[in-house]
């Protein structure tokens, strides 16, 4: 389920995170919450609304010699794919692994979609039912999600 979020965040904060990135997504910590932000074309941001359904999948891959986990979220209206967001995290980067583990440790997943061209911003929340899938996928890389969450939340 996707719904509009009651969280407020300044577009200036988001733009700073995407200073050198034209399109893409990142997970970051702000105001005691982990957030997934995706920089998109203006038309893509316009397409987003709370009537959409979504499908989230993890894909453990190797990019050359680098172990990588892809997070892919596909959004649908009336069972027709409208948009998708992908986030790649390097398993070798402990900060990225901690961020995704902590992002998926809450009941709702905050999602920010925005466009740099017209400074438009929409904030949603996705119902989180994916912690076990994340743990299973990280286990392919010999990573225990429980230890990461326990150690970063102390």
N, C-alpha and C. Protein backbone atom coordinates (compact mmCIF):
# COMPACT_ATOMS: atom_id res chain seq x y z
N UNK A 1 0.84 -1.18 0.00
CA UNK A 1 0.00 0.00 0.00
C UNK A 1 0.89 1.25 0.00
N UNK A 2 0.49 2.23 -0.78
CA UNK A 2 1.20 3.50 -0.83
C UNK A 2 0.24 4.59 -0.34
N UNK A 3 0.76 5.48 0.48
CA UNK A 3 -0.08 6.58 0.96
C UNK A 3 0.78 7.83 1.06
N UNK A 4 0.10 8.98 1.02
CA UNK A 4 0.82 10.24 1.21
C UNK A 4 1.35 10.30 2.62
N UNK A 5 2.52 10.84 2.76
CA UNK A 5 3.17 10.93 4.07
C UNK A 5 2.83 12.25 4.75
N UNK A 6 2.81 12.21 6.07
CA UNK A 6 2.63 13.43 6.85
C UNK A 6 3.96 14.08 7.18
N UNK A 7 5.06 13.41 6.84
CA UNK A 7 6.39 13.98 7.09
C UNK A 7 6.62 15.18 6.18
N UNK A 8 7.29 16.16 6.74
CA UNK A 8 7.68 17.33 5.94
C UNK A 8 9.20 17.37 5.87
N UNK A 9 9.70 17.67 4.70
CA UNK A 9 11.13 17.82 4.52
C UNK A 9 11.35 18.88 3.45
N UNK A 10 12.32 19.70 3.68
CA UNK A 10 12.62 20.78 2.75
C UNK A 10 13.26 20.23 1.48
N UNK A 11 12.86 20.75 0.36
CA UNK A 11 13.48 20.34 -0.90
C UNK A 11 14.95 20.70 -0.92
N UNK A 12 15.34 21.75 -0.19
CA UNK A 12 16.75 22.14 -0.15
C UNK A 12 17.63 21.03 0.45
N UNK A 13 17.11 20.34 1.46
CA UNK A 13 17.85 19.23 2.06
C UNK A 13 18.04 18.11 1.05
N UNK A 14 16.98 17.82 0.30
CA UNK A 14 17.04 16.76 -0.71
C UNK A 14 18.01 17.16 -1.83
N UNK A 15 17.92 18.39 -2.28
CA UNK A 15 18.78 18.84 -3.37
C UNK A 15 20.26 18.75 -3.00
N UNK A 16 20.59 19.01 -1.74
CA UNK A 16 21.98 18.89 -1.30
C UNK A 16 22.48 17.46 -1.42
N UNK A 17 21.61 16.49 -1.16
CA UNK A 17 21.98 15.07 -1.27
C UNK A 17 22.23 14.68 -2.73
N UNK A 18 21.62 15.41 -3.66
CA UNK A 18 21.72 15.10 -5.08
C UNK A 18 22.49 16.19 -5.83
N UNK A 19 23.45 16.77 -5.16
CA UNK A 19 24.21 17.88 -5.72
C UNK A 19 24.81 17.54 -7.09
N UNK A 20 25.37 16.34 -7.25
CA UNK A 20 26.02 15.98 -8.50
C UNK A 20 25.30 14.86 -9.24
N UNK A 21 24.08 14.55 -8.83
CA UNK A 21 23.33 13.45 -9.42
C UNK A 21 22.11 14.02 -10.12
N UNK A 22 21.94 13.72 -11.41
CA UNK A 22 20.79 14.22 -12.15
C UNK A 22 19.57 13.32 -11.97
N UNK A 23 19.77 12.01 -11.98
CA UNK A 23 18.70 11.06 -11.74
C UNK A 23 19.26 9.92 -10.93
N UNK A 24 18.44 9.32 -10.09
CA UNK A 24 18.89 8.20 -9.29
C UNK A 24 18.22 8.22 -7.94
N UNK A 25 18.69 7.37 -7.04
CA UNK A 25 18.09 7.30 -5.71
C UNK A 25 19.15 6.99 -4.67
N UNK A 26 18.86 7.42 -3.44
CA UNK A 26 19.74 7.16 -2.30
C UNK A 26 18.89 6.95 -1.05
N UNK A 27 19.46 6.23 -0.10
CA UNK A 27 18.87 6.10 1.22
C UNK A 27 19.75 6.90 2.17
N UNK A 28 19.12 7.76 2.97
CA UNK A 28 19.89 8.58 3.90
C UNK A 28 19.09 8.81 5.18
N UNK A 29 19.77 9.28 6.20
CA UNK A 29 19.18 9.53 7.52
C UNK A 29 18.93 11.01 7.69
N UNK A 30 17.70 11.36 8.09
CA UNK A 30 17.36 12.76 8.34
C UNK A 30 16.24 12.82 9.39
N UNK A 31 16.43 13.64 10.39
CA UNK A 31 15.40 13.89 11.40
C UNK A 31 14.88 12.59 12.02
N UNK A 32 15.81 11.74 12.43
CA UNK A 32 15.52 10.46 13.08
C UNK A 32 14.81 9.44 12.20
N UNK A 33 14.87 9.60 10.88
CA UNK A 33 14.24 8.64 9.97
C UNK A 33 15.19 8.34 8.82
N UNK A 34 15.14 7.11 8.36
CA UNK A 34 15.83 6.74 7.13
C UNK A 34 14.84 6.94 5.99
N UNK A 35 15.31 7.57 4.93
CA UNK A 35 14.46 7.92 3.80
C UNK A 35 15.06 7.41 2.51
N UNK A 36 14.19 7.04 1.58
CA UNK A 36 14.61 6.73 0.22
C UNK A 36 14.16 7.89 -0.64
N UNK A 37 15.11 8.55 -1.30
CA UNK A 37 14.79 9.67 -2.16
C UNK A 37 15.19 9.32 -3.58
N UNK A 38 14.31 9.67 -4.52
CA UNK A 38 14.57 9.39 -5.92
C UNK A 38 14.39 10.65 -6.75
N UNK A 39 15.44 11.02 -7.44
CA UNK A 39 15.42 12.17 -8.34
C UNK A 39 14.98 11.69 -9.71
N UNK A 40 13.90 12.29 -10.24
CA UNK A 40 13.29 11.82 -11.47
C UNK A 40 12.99 12.99 -12.40
N UNK A 41 12.58 12.64 -13.59
CA UNK A 41 12.09 13.65 -14.53
C UNK A 41 10.78 14.22 -13.99
N UNK A 42 10.48 15.44 -14.38
CA UNK A 42 9.30 16.11 -13.88
C UNK A 42 8.02 15.30 -14.16
N UNK A 43 7.89 14.74 -15.35
CA UNK A 43 6.69 13.98 -15.69
C UNK A 43 6.54 12.74 -14.81
N UNK A 44 7.65 12.12 -14.44
CA UNK A 44 7.60 10.95 -13.56
C UNK A 44 7.06 11.33 -12.18
N UNK A 45 7.49 12.47 -11.67
CA UNK A 45 7.00 12.92 -10.36
C UNK A 45 5.51 13.21 -10.45
N UNK A 46 5.07 13.80 -11.53
CA UNK A 46 3.64 14.10 -11.72
C UNK A 46 2.83 12.80 -11.71
N UNK A 47 3.38 11.73 -12.26
CA UNK A 47 2.67 10.45 -12.34
C UNK A 47 2.41 9.82 -10.97
N UNK A 48 3.20 10.15 -9.97
CA UNK A 48 3.07 9.53 -8.65
C UNK A 48 1.86 10.05 -7.91
N UNK A 49 1.08 9.13 -7.36
CA UNK A 49 0.00 9.48 -6.44
C UNK A 49 -0.33 8.29 -5.56
N UNK A 50 -1.20 8.50 -4.60
CA UNK A 50 -1.48 7.45 -3.63
C UNK A 50 -2.47 6.39 -4.12
N UNK A 51 -2.88 6.46 -5.37
CA UNK A 51 -3.74 5.41 -5.92
C UNK A 51 -2.93 4.27 -6.55
N UNK A 52 -1.63 4.36 -6.45
CA UNK A 52 -0.76 3.36 -7.08
C UNK A 52 -0.57 2.15 -6.18
N UNK A 53 -0.33 1.02 -6.82
CA UNK A 53 0.13 -0.18 -6.14
C UNK A 53 1.62 -0.31 -6.41
N UNK A 54 2.30 -1.14 -5.64
CA UNK A 54 3.72 -1.30 -5.89
C UNK A 54 4.15 -2.74 -5.65
N UNK A 55 5.26 -3.07 -6.28
CA UNK A 55 5.91 -4.37 -6.10
C UNK A 55 7.37 -4.07 -5.81
N UNK A 56 7.91 -4.65 -4.75
CA UNK A 56 9.29 -4.42 -4.36
C UNK A 56 10.04 -5.74 -4.44
N UNK A 57 11.20 -5.71 -5.10
CA UNK A 57 12.04 -6.91 -5.20
C UNK A 57 13.49 -6.55 -4.93
N UNK A 58 14.21 -7.53 -4.40
CA UNK A 58 15.64 -7.41 -4.21
C UNK A 58 16.32 -8.34 -5.21
N UNK A 59 17.45 -7.90 -5.72
CA UNK A 59 18.17 -8.69 -6.69
C UNK A 59 19.66 -8.66 -6.34
N UNK A 60 20.19 -9.74 -5.74
CA UNK A 60 21.64 -9.77 -5.48
C UNK A 60 22.38 -10.01 -6.80
N UNK A 61 23.31 -9.13 -7.12
CA UNK A 61 24.04 -9.23 -8.39
C UNK A 61 25.52 -8.96 -8.16
N UNK A 62 26.30 -9.28 -9.15
CA UNK A 62 27.72 -8.91 -9.15
C UNK A 62 27.90 -7.88 -10.27
N UNK A 63 28.48 -6.76 -9.93
CA UNK A 63 28.86 -5.77 -10.93
C UNK A 63 30.37 -5.85 -11.05
N UNK A 64 30.81 -6.60 -12.04
CA UNK A 64 32.24 -6.88 -12.14
C UNK A 64 32.63 -7.75 -10.97
N UNK A 65 33.59 -7.30 -10.19
CA UNK A 65 34.03 -8.02 -9.00
C UNK A 65 33.35 -7.53 -7.73
N UNK A 66 32.35 -6.65 -7.86
CA UNK A 66 31.75 -6.00 -6.70
C UNK A 66 30.36 -6.57 -6.41
N UNK A 67 30.19 -7.16 -5.22
CA UNK A 67 28.86 -7.66 -4.84
C UNK A 67 27.91 -6.48 -4.61
N UNK A 68 26.73 -6.57 -5.19
CA UNK A 68 25.77 -5.47 -5.17
C UNK A 68 24.37 -6.02 -4.91
N UNK A 69 23.58 -5.26 -4.17
CA UNK A 69 22.17 -5.61 -3.98
C UNK A 69 21.34 -4.51 -4.62
N UNK A 70 20.48 -4.92 -5.54
CA UNK A 70 19.58 -3.98 -6.19
C UNK A 70 18.23 -4.02 -5.49
N UNK A 71 17.73 -2.86 -5.14
CA UNK A 71 16.38 -2.69 -4.63
C UNK A 71 15.58 -2.09 -5.78
N UNK A 72 14.52 -2.76 -6.19
CA UNK A 72 13.72 -2.26 -7.30
C UNK A 72 12.26 -2.20 -6.86
N UNK A 73 11.68 -1.02 -7.03
CA UNK A 73 10.27 -0.83 -6.70
C UNK A 73 9.55 -0.42 -7.99
N UNK A 74 8.55 -1.20 -8.35
CA UNK A 74 7.75 -0.90 -9.54
C UNK A 74 6.38 -0.43 -9.09
N UNK A 75 5.89 0.62 -9.70
CA UNK A 75 4.61 1.22 -9.34
C UNK A 75 3.61 1.01 -10.47
N UNK A 76 2.38 0.66 -10.08
CA UNK A 76 1.33 0.31 -11.03
C UNK A 76 0.07 1.10 -10.76
N UNK A 77 -0.63 1.42 -11.85
CA UNK A 77 -1.99 1.95 -11.79
C UNK A 77 -2.84 1.01 -12.63
N UNK A 78 -3.84 0.44 -12.01
CA UNK A 78 -4.72 -0.51 -12.70
C UNK A 78 -3.91 -1.62 -13.37
N UNK A 79 -2.93 -2.13 -12.66
CA UNK A 79 -2.07 -3.24 -13.08
C UNK A 79 -1.18 -2.92 -14.27
N UNK A 80 -1.07 -1.64 -14.61
CA UNK A 80 -0.17 -1.19 -15.68
C UNK A 80 1.01 -0.49 -15.02
N UNK A 81 2.22 -0.93 -15.36
CA UNK A 81 3.42 -0.33 -14.78
C UNK A 81 3.55 1.12 -15.24
N UNK A 82 3.68 2.01 -14.26
CA UNK A 82 3.75 3.44 -14.54
C UNK A 82 5.17 3.96 -14.35
N UNK A 83 5.79 3.59 -13.23
CA UNK A 83 7.13 4.08 -12.89
C UNK A 83 7.89 2.99 -12.16
N UNK A 84 9.19 3.18 -12.07
CA UNK A 84 10.00 2.29 -11.24
C UNK A 84 11.16 3.09 -10.64
N UNK A 85 11.59 2.63 -9.48
CA UNK A 85 12.73 3.22 -8.78
C UNK A 85 13.69 2.08 -8.49
N UNK A 86 14.95 2.32 -8.76
CA UNK A 86 15.97 1.32 -8.48
C UNK A 86 17.06 1.96 -7.63
N UNK A 87 17.56 1.19 -6.68
CA UNK A 87 18.65 1.66 -5.84
C UNK A 87 19.68 0.54 -5.74
N UNK A 88 20.91 0.82 -6.11
CA UNK A 88 21.99 -0.15 -6.02
C UNK A 88 22.82 0.16 -4.80
N UNK A 89 23.12 -0.89 -4.01
CA UNK A 89 24.01 -0.66 -2.89
C UNK A 89 25.16 -1.64 -2.95
N UNK A 90 26.32 -1.10 -2.72
CA UNK A 90 27.54 -1.91 -2.71
C UNK A 90 27.62 -2.62 -1.37
N UNK A 91 27.70 -3.93 -1.42
CA UNK A 91 27.80 -4.74 -0.21
C UNK A 91 29.09 -4.43 0.54
N UNK A 92 30.11 -3.98 -0.16
CA UNK A 92 31.39 -3.64 0.47
C UNK A 92 31.34 -2.31 1.22
N UNK A 93 30.29 -1.50 1.00
CA UNK A 93 30.16 -0.21 1.66
C UNK A 93 29.26 -0.37 2.89
N UNK A 94 29.86 -0.45 4.07
CA UNK A 94 29.12 -0.72 5.30
C UNK A 94 28.08 0.34 5.58
N UNK A 95 28.33 1.61 5.21
CA UNK A 95 27.33 2.67 5.43
C UNK A 95 26.07 2.42 4.60
N UNK A 96 26.23 2.00 3.36
CA UNK A 96 25.08 1.71 2.52
C UNK A 96 24.30 0.51 3.06
N UNK A 97 25.00 -0.51 3.53
CA UNK A 97 24.34 -1.69 4.09
C UNK A 97 23.59 -1.32 5.36
N UNK A 98 24.21 -0.54 6.24
CA UNK A 98 23.54 -0.09 7.46
C UNK A 98 22.31 0.74 7.13
N UNK A 99 22.41 1.63 6.15
CA UNK A 99 21.28 2.48 5.78
C UNK A 99 20.09 1.66 5.30
N UNK A 100 20.33 0.69 4.43
CA UNK A 100 19.20 -0.09 3.92
C UNK A 100 18.60 -0.98 5.01
N UNK A 101 19.43 -1.52 5.87
CA UNK A 101 18.93 -2.34 6.98
C UNK A 101 18.06 -1.51 7.91
N UNK A 102 18.52 -0.33 8.24
CA UNK A 102 17.74 0.54 9.12
C UNK A 102 16.50 1.10 8.43
N UNK A 103 16.58 1.35 7.15
CA UNK A 103 15.41 1.80 6.39
C UNK A 103 14.30 0.75 6.47
N UNK A 104 14.67 -0.51 6.32
CA UNK A 104 13.66 -1.58 6.33
C UNK A 104 13.32 -2.07 7.73
N UNK A 105 13.85 -1.45 8.77
CA UNK A 105 13.54 -1.89 10.13
C UNK A 105 12.30 -1.21 10.70
N UNK A 106 11.69 -0.30 9.98
CA UNK A 106 10.48 0.37 10.47
C UNK A 106 9.24 -0.18 9.75
N UNK A 107 8.06 0.16 10.26
CA UNK A 107 6.81 -0.35 9.70
C UNK A 107 6.43 0.28 8.37
N UNK A 108 6.85 1.53 8.18
CA UNK A 108 6.56 2.20 6.92
C UNK A 108 7.86 2.70 6.31
N UNK A 109 7.88 2.71 5.01
CA UNK A 109 9.08 3.09 4.26
C UNK A 109 8.85 4.45 3.61
N UNK A 110 9.45 5.51 4.15
CA UNK A 110 9.28 6.83 3.55
C UNK A 110 9.96 6.90 2.17
N UNK A 111 9.23 7.43 1.22
CA UNK A 111 9.72 7.56 -0.15
C UNK A 111 9.50 8.99 -0.62
N UNK A 112 10.58 9.59 -1.08
CA UNK A 112 10.52 10.95 -1.61
C UNK A 112 10.82 10.88 -3.10
N UNK A 113 9.93 11.42 -3.90
CA UNK A 113 10.19 11.55 -5.34
C UNK A 113 10.21 13.04 -5.65
N UNK A 114 11.20 13.45 -6.43
CA UNK A 114 11.31 14.87 -6.72
C UNK A 114 11.98 15.09 -8.06
N UNK A 115 11.81 16.30 -8.55
CA UNK A 115 12.44 16.73 -9.79
C UNK A 115 13.30 17.95 -9.52
N UNK A 116 14.52 17.92 -10.00
CA UNK A 116 15.41 19.07 -9.86
C UNK A 116 14.98 20.22 -10.77
N UNK A 117 14.41 19.88 -11.92
CA UNK A 117 14.11 20.90 -12.92
C UNK A 117 13.09 21.93 -12.44
N UNK A 118 12.07 21.46 -11.70
CA UNK A 118 11.07 22.42 -11.24
C UNK A 118 10.90 22.40 -9.72
N UNK A 119 11.85 21.76 -9.02
CA UNK A 119 11.83 21.68 -7.56
C UNK A 119 10.51 21.13 -7.00
N UNK A 120 9.90 20.18 -7.74
CA UNK A 120 8.68 19.56 -7.22
C UNK A 120 9.06 18.37 -6.34
N UNK A 121 8.24 18.14 -5.33
CA UNK A 121 8.54 17.13 -4.32
C UNK A 121 7.25 16.48 -3.85
N UNK A 122 7.26 15.14 -3.77
CA UNK A 122 6.15 14.40 -3.20
C UNK A 122 6.72 13.39 -2.22
N UNK A 123 6.03 13.22 -1.09
CA UNK A 123 6.49 12.29 -0.07
C UNK A 123 5.39 11.26 0.19
N UNK A 124 5.78 10.00 0.14
CA UNK A 124 4.85 8.89 0.35
C UNK A 124 5.41 7.96 1.42
N UNK A 125 4.57 7.04 1.84
CA UNK A 125 5.00 5.95 2.72
C UNK A 125 4.48 4.65 2.13
N UNK A 126 5.37 3.67 2.11
CA UNK A 126 5.03 2.34 1.63
C UNK A 126 4.93 1.42 2.83
N UNK A 127 3.95 0.54 2.82
CA UNK A 127 3.83 -0.43 3.91
C UNK A 127 4.98 -1.42 3.81
N UNK A 128 5.70 -1.59 4.90
CA UNK A 128 6.89 -2.45 4.90
C UNK A 128 6.51 -3.87 5.30
N UNK A 129 6.69 -4.77 4.35
CA UNK A 129 6.51 -6.20 4.60
C UNK A 129 7.71 -6.96 4.04
N UNK A 130 8.87 -6.32 4.03
CA UNK A 130 10.00 -6.84 3.26
C UNK A 130 11.26 -7.12 4.07
N UNK A 131 11.21 -6.97 5.39
CA UNK A 131 12.42 -7.15 6.20
C UNK A 131 12.97 -8.56 6.06
N UNK A 132 12.11 -9.56 5.99
CA UNK A 132 12.58 -10.93 5.86
C UNK A 132 13.22 -11.18 4.50
N UNK A 133 12.65 -10.58 3.45
CA UNK A 133 13.25 -10.71 2.12
C UNK A 133 14.62 -10.04 2.06
N UNK A 134 14.74 -8.87 2.69
CA UNK A 134 16.03 -8.20 2.74
C UNK A 134 17.04 -9.07 3.47
N UNK A 135 16.64 -9.60 4.62
CA UNK A 135 17.55 -10.44 5.41
C UNK A 135 17.99 -11.66 4.61
N UNK A 136 17.06 -12.26 3.89
CA UNK A 136 17.39 -13.44 3.07
C UNK A 136 18.39 -13.08 1.97
N UNK A 137 18.19 -11.95 1.33
CA UNK A 137 19.09 -11.53 0.26
C UNK A 137 20.46 -11.14 0.79
N UNK A 138 20.52 -10.47 1.93
CA UNK A 138 21.81 -10.12 2.52
C UNK A 138 22.55 -11.36 3.01
N UNK A 139 21.79 -12.38 3.38
CA UNK A 139 22.39 -13.63 3.80
C UNK A 139 23.20 -14.28 2.67
N UNK A 140 22.81 -14.03 1.42
CA UNK A 140 23.60 -14.51 0.27
C UNK A 140 25.02 -13.96 0.32
N UNK A 141 25.16 -12.78 0.92
CA UNK A 141 26.46 -12.13 1.03
C UNK A 141 27.09 -12.34 2.41
N UNK A 142 26.51 -13.23 3.20
CA UNK A 142 27.00 -13.54 4.56
C UNK A 142 26.89 -12.34 5.49
N UNK A 143 25.79 -11.59 5.37
CA UNK A 143 25.54 -10.43 6.21
C UNK A 143 24.31 -10.72 7.06
N UNK A 144 24.43 -10.52 8.38
CA UNK A 144 23.32 -10.74 9.31
C UNK A 144 22.68 -9.40 9.63
N UNK A 145 21.48 -9.20 9.14
CA UNK A 145 20.78 -7.93 9.30
C UNK A 145 20.49 -7.61 10.77
N UNK A 146 20.23 -8.63 11.57
CA UNK A 146 19.89 -8.40 12.99
C UNK A 146 21.05 -7.74 13.72
N UNK A 147 22.27 -8.16 13.45
CA UNK A 147 23.44 -7.55 14.09
C UNK A 147 23.59 -6.09 13.68
N UNK A 148 23.36 -5.80 12.42
CA UNK A 148 23.52 -4.43 11.94
C UNK A 148 22.50 -3.52 12.60
N UNK A 149 21.24 -3.93 12.62
CA UNK A 149 20.20 -3.10 13.23
C UNK A 149 20.45 -2.92 14.72
N UNK A 150 20.82 -4.00 15.40
CA UNK A 150 21.09 -3.92 16.83
C UNK A 150 22.25 -2.97 17.11
N UNK A 151 23.31 -3.04 16.33
CA UNK A 151 24.51 -2.23 16.58
C UNK A 151 24.32 -0.77 16.20
N UNK A 152 23.48 -0.46 15.24
CA UNK A 152 23.30 0.95 14.83
C UNK A 152 22.20 1.64 15.63
N UNK A 153 21.36 0.87 16.29
CA UNK A 153 20.28 1.48 17.07
C UNK A 153 20.62 1.62 18.55
N UNK A 154 21.83 1.27 18.95
CA UNK A 154 22.23 1.42 20.36
C UNK A 154 22.69 2.81 20.65
